[in-house]
Amino acid sequence: MKTVAIISQKGGSGKTTIAVHLAVCAELAKKTAAIIDLDPQGSALEWYRRRERETPEVIAASAEQLPTLLEQAKKNAAHLVIIDTAPHSDRAAIMAAEVADLVLIPCRPAAFDIAAIGTTLGILKLSQTRSRAAVLFNAVPVRGGLIEEAETGMIEITAIVPVRMYQRAAYSHAINDGRSVEEYDSKGKAAEEIRALYTWIMKS
């Protein structure tokens, strides 16, 4: 079982979007996946309520429940568990990072978002999990050179996921309907990005 924590101290970084898409990608690959939603706003849970299918399961929980929930997931033969964390919650972020095999740090290629990476990395350093972390550039403009500039500055301080998630309308359309981009348009570029990200994660 692979456990992935999605952590960012900045709100609006796309954590829930990434979480639900990875979980659905696993399900479409005939694997069992679950999302543990630690965010009090419950965005992943709200997405699940709009969803017509019963999988992937979304569980609203506190960070203190993580060990018990992960043990149960193993017993249920889950292949992938995604932990969706809240921004500005250091303790929950540390606890999620400590139980994860991989920590994804979503980041938009914008100045304020990039500046916030340092805070997130500082939290991971406290939990001694920074070596398991990688920055995932999200909502990348399809045109423009912002991403190259952002990656150049970031590569010196942390690992970078070799897959980018671009700013595409398909993500919003799918989320609004309780779906993923693979279910919305399986042949679209957004779906290709998610499949590439899922493959990289499962091989990491």
Protein backbone atom coordinates (compact mmCIF):
# COMPACT_ATOMS: atom_id res chain seq x y z
CA MET A 1 0.00 0.00 0.00
CA LYS A 2 1.29 3.44 -0.90
CA THR A 3 0.38 6.41 1.28
CA VAL A 4 0.68 9.90 -0.18
CA ALA A 5 0.26 13.08 1.87
CA ILE A 6 -0.55 16.27 0.00
CA ILE A 7 0.71 19.18 2.05
CA SER A 8 0.92 22.93 1.52
CA GLN A 9 0.68 25.72 4.02
CA LYS A 10 -0.88 27.93 1.38
CA GLY A 11 -4.58 27.75 0.65
CA GLY A 12 -5.79 27.36 -2.91
CA SER A 13 -2.82 25.31 -4.04
CA GLY A 14 -4.96 22.53 -5.50
CA LYS A 15 -4.49 19.84 -2.85
CA THR A 16 -8.02 18.44 -3.05
CA THR A 17 -8.07 18.50 -6.85
CA ILE A 18 -4.89 16.44 -6.90
CA ALA A 19 -6.17 14.07 -4.21
CA VAL A 20 -9.45 13.17 -5.89
CA HIS A 21 -7.89 12.79 -9.31
CA LEU A 22 -5.19 10.43 -8.09
CA ALA A 23 -7.71 8.33 -6.20
CA VAL A 24 -10.02 8.02 -9.21
CA CYS A 25 -7.05 7.22 -11.45
CA ALA A 26 -6.22 4.30 -9.16
CA GLU A 27 -9.81 3.08 -9.22
CA LEU A 28 -9.91 3.24 -13.03
CA ALA A 29 -6.72 1.15 -13.04
CA LYS A 30 -8.66 -1.49 -11.05
CA LYS A 31 -6.90 -0.62 -7.79
CA THR A 32 -8.52 0.20 -4.46
CA ALA A 33 -8.01 3.78 -3.30
CA ALA A 34 -9.21 5.99 -0.47
CA ILE A 35 -8.92 9.63 0.53
CA ILE A 36 -8.52 10.72 4.14
CA ASP A 37 -9.76 14.31 4.36
CA LEU A 38 -8.11 16.18 7.23
CA ASP A 39 -9.32 19.59 6.09
CA PRO A 40 -12.21 20.91 8.23
CA GLN A 41 -13.59 22.57 5.09
CA GLY A 42 -14.25 19.07 3.76
CA SER A 43 -13.72 19.82 0.08
CA ALA A 44 -12.94 16.20 -0.80
CA LEU A 45 -16.03 15.06 1.09
CA GLU A 46 -18.16 17.61 -0.76
CA TRP A 47 -16.81 16.30 -4.07
CA TYR A 48 -17.72 12.76 -2.99
CA ARG A 49 -21.29 13.82 -2.17
CA ARG A 50 -21.71 15.07 -5.72
CA ARG A 51 -20.35 11.84 -7.10
CA GLU A 52 -22.60 9.14 -8.56
CA ARG A 53 -20.14 6.31 -7.86
CA GLU A 54 -19.37 5.01 -4.37
CA THR A 55 -15.63 4.83 -4.95
CA PRO A 56 -13.08 6.05 -4.14
CA GLU A 57 -14.08 6.28 -0.51
CA VAL A 58 -13.56 9.63 1.21
CA ILE A 59 -13.19 9.65 4.99
CA ALA A 60 -13.37 12.84 7.06
CA ALA A 61 -10.96 12.46 9.97
CA SER A 62 -8.54 14.11 12.35
CA ALA A 63 -4.79 13.62 12.17
CA GLU A 64 -4.90 11.60 15.39
CA GLN A 65 -6.97 8.96 13.58
CA LEU A 66 -4.41 8.39 10.83
CA PRO A 67 -2.62 5.32 12.30
CA THR A 68 -5.91 3.52 12.88
CA LEU A 69 -7.32 4.41 9.46
CA LEU A 70 -4.16 3.37 7.64
CA GLU A 71 -4.07 0.06 9.47
CA GLN A 72 -7.67 -0.53 8.43
CA ALA A 73 -6.83 0.39 4.84
CA LYS A 74 -4.07 -2.24 4.82
CA LYS A 75 -6.49 -4.87 6.11
CA ASN A 76 -8.87 -3.91 3.32
CA ALA A 77 -6.05 -4.39 0.76
CA ALA A 78 -6.02 -0.77 -0.37
CA HIS A 79 -3.40 0.05 -2.98
CA LEU A 80 -3.35 3.82 -2.54
CA VAL A 81 -4.33 6.14 0.30
CA ILE A 82 -4.25 9.90 -0.24
CA ILE A 83 -4.15 12.22 2.78
CA ASP A 84 -5.63 15.62 1.94
CA THR A 85 -4.43 18.14 4.52
CA ALA A 86 -5.57 21.62 5.50
CA PRO A 87 -3.46 24.76 5.07
CA HIS A 88 -2.13 26.51 8.18
CA SER A 89 -2.23 23.32 10.25
CA ASP A 90 1.33 22.49 11.24
CA ARG A 91 0.54 19.63 13.60
CA ALA A 92 -1.74 17.79 11.18
CA ALA A 93 0.77 18.30 8.36
CA ILE A 94 3.58 16.82 10.45
CA MET A 95 1.47 13.82 11.46
CA ALA A 96 0.44 13.21 7.86
CA ALA A 97 4.02 13.47 6.62
CA GLU A 98 5.24 11.03 9.24
CA VAL A 99 2.94 8.23 8.04
CA ALA A 100 3.37 8.91 4.31
CA ASP A 101 5.62 7.16 1.82
CA LEU A 102 5.62 10.29 -0.31
CA VAL A 103 4.77 13.93 0.37
CA LEU A 104 3.50 16.02 -2.53
CA ILE A 105 3.77 19.79 -2.18
CA PRO A 106 1.49 21.40 -4.79
CA CYS A 107 2.62 24.79 -5.98
CA ARG A 108 1.36 27.25 -8.56
CA PRO A 109 4.18 28.97 -10.51
CA ALA A 110 3.49 32.36 -8.90
CA ALA A 111 5.66 34.41 -6.55
CA PHE A 112 3.52 34.10 -3.40
CA ASP A 113 3.01 30.37 -3.88
CA ILE A 114 6.70 29.72 -4.41
CA ALA A 115 7.55 31.80 -1.34
CA ALA A 116 5.21 29.61 0.75
CA ILE A 117 7.18 26.48 -0.16
CA GLY A 118 9.82 27.42 2.39
CA THR A 119 7.26 27.28 5.20
CA THR A 120 6.05 23.84 4.14
CA LEU A 121 9.59 22.51 3.80
CA GLY A 122 10.35 23.86 7.27
CA ILE A 123 7.50 21.80 8.71
CA LEU A 124 8.73 18.69 6.92
CA LYS A 125 12.21 19.29 8.27
CA LEU A 126 10.79 19.25 11.81
CA SER A 127 9.21 15.86 11.14
CA GLN A 128 12.37 14.60 9.40
CA THR A 129 10.36 13.76 6.29
CA ARG A 130 11.75 16.33 3.87
CA SER A 131 13.66 13.64 1.97
CA ARG A 132 10.33 12.04 1.00
CA ALA A 133 8.91 15.30 -0.39
CA ALA A 134 8.62 16.64 -3.92
CA VAL A 135 7.08 19.80 -5.34
CA LEU A 136 4.29 19.31 -7.87
CA PHE A 137 3.71 22.32 -10.09
CA ASN A 138 -0.02 22.77 -10.48
CA ALA A 139 -2.28 25.13 -12.45
CA VAL A 140 0.62 25.87 -14.77
CA PRO A 141 -0.30 28.34 -17.55
CA VAL A 142 -0.38 26.56 -20.90
CA ARG A 143 1.50 29.46 -22.45
CA GLY A 144 4.34 31.47 -20.98
CA GLY A 145 7.72 30.79 -19.42
CA LEU A 146 6.77 31.11 -15.75
CA ILE A 147 7.23 27.41 -15.05
CA GLU A 148 10.82 27.24 -16.31
CA GLU A 149 11.75 30.18 -14.12
CA ALA A 150 10.01 28.63 -11.11
CA GLU A 151 11.67 25.24 -11.58
CA THR A 152 15.11 26.79 -11.91
CA GLY A 153 14.75 28.47 -8.53
CA MET A 154 13.19 25.43 -6.86
CA ILE A 155 15.48 22.65 -8.02
CA GLU A 156 18.26 23.82 -5.71
CA ILE A 157 16.21 23.31 -2.54
CA THR A 158 13.94 20.30 -3.13
CA ALA A 159 12.94 17.54 -5.53
CA ILE A 160 10.46 18.35 -8.29
CA VAL A 161 7.86 15.97 -9.68
CA PRO A 162 8.68 15.40 -13.38
CA VAL A 163 5.00 15.85 -14.30
CA ARG A 164 3.13 19.16 -14.46
CA MET A 165 -0.58 19.79 -14.04
CA TYR A 166 -1.62 22.57 -16.38
CA GLN A 167 -4.39 25.10 -15.97
CA ARG A 168 -7.22 23.44 -17.87
CA ALA A 169 -10.98 23.99 -17.72
CA ALA A 170 -11.50 20.22 -17.66
CA TYR A 171 -10.42 20.08 -14.01
CA SER A 172 -13.12 22.53 -12.90
CA HIS A 173 -15.84 20.92 -15.00
CA ALA A 174 -15.03 17.47 -13.65
CA ILE A 175 -14.79 18.52 -9.99
CA ASN A 176 -18.13 20.34 -10.15
CA ASP A 177 -19.82 17.09 -11.20
CA GLY A 178 -18.09 14.85 -8.67
CA ARG A 179 -15.93 13.36 -11.39
CA SER A 180 -12.30 13.31 -12.49
CA VAL A 181 -10.92 14.53 -15.80
CA GLU A 182 -10.49 10.91 -16.87
CA GLU A 183 -14.23 10.41 -16.46
CA TYR A 184 -14.99 13.79 -18.05
CA ASP A 185 -12.72 13.39 -21.10
CA SER A 186 -10.52 10.30 -21.00
CA LYS A 187 -8.60 11.31 -24.13
CA GLY A 188 -7.94 14.90 -23.08
CA LYS A 189 -4.62 16.39 -22.07
CA ALA A 190 -5.67 16.77 -18.43
CA ALA A 191 -6.42 13.04 -18.25
CA GLU A 192 -3.00 12.30 -19.73
CA GLU A 193 -1.36 14.46 -17.06
CA ILE A 194 -3.15 12.65 -14.24
CA ARG A 195 -2.25 9.22 -15.58
CA ALA A 196 1.39 10.28 -15.89
CA LEU A 197 1.38 11.62 -12.33
CA TYR A 198 -0.24 8.45 -10.97
CA THR A 199 2.31 6.27 -12.78
CA TRP A 200 5.20 8.31 -11.39
CA ILE A 201 3.84 8.13 -7.84
CA MET A 202 3.30 4.38 -7.90
CA LYS A 203 6.84 3.84 -9.19
CA SER A 204 8.46 6.26 -6.70
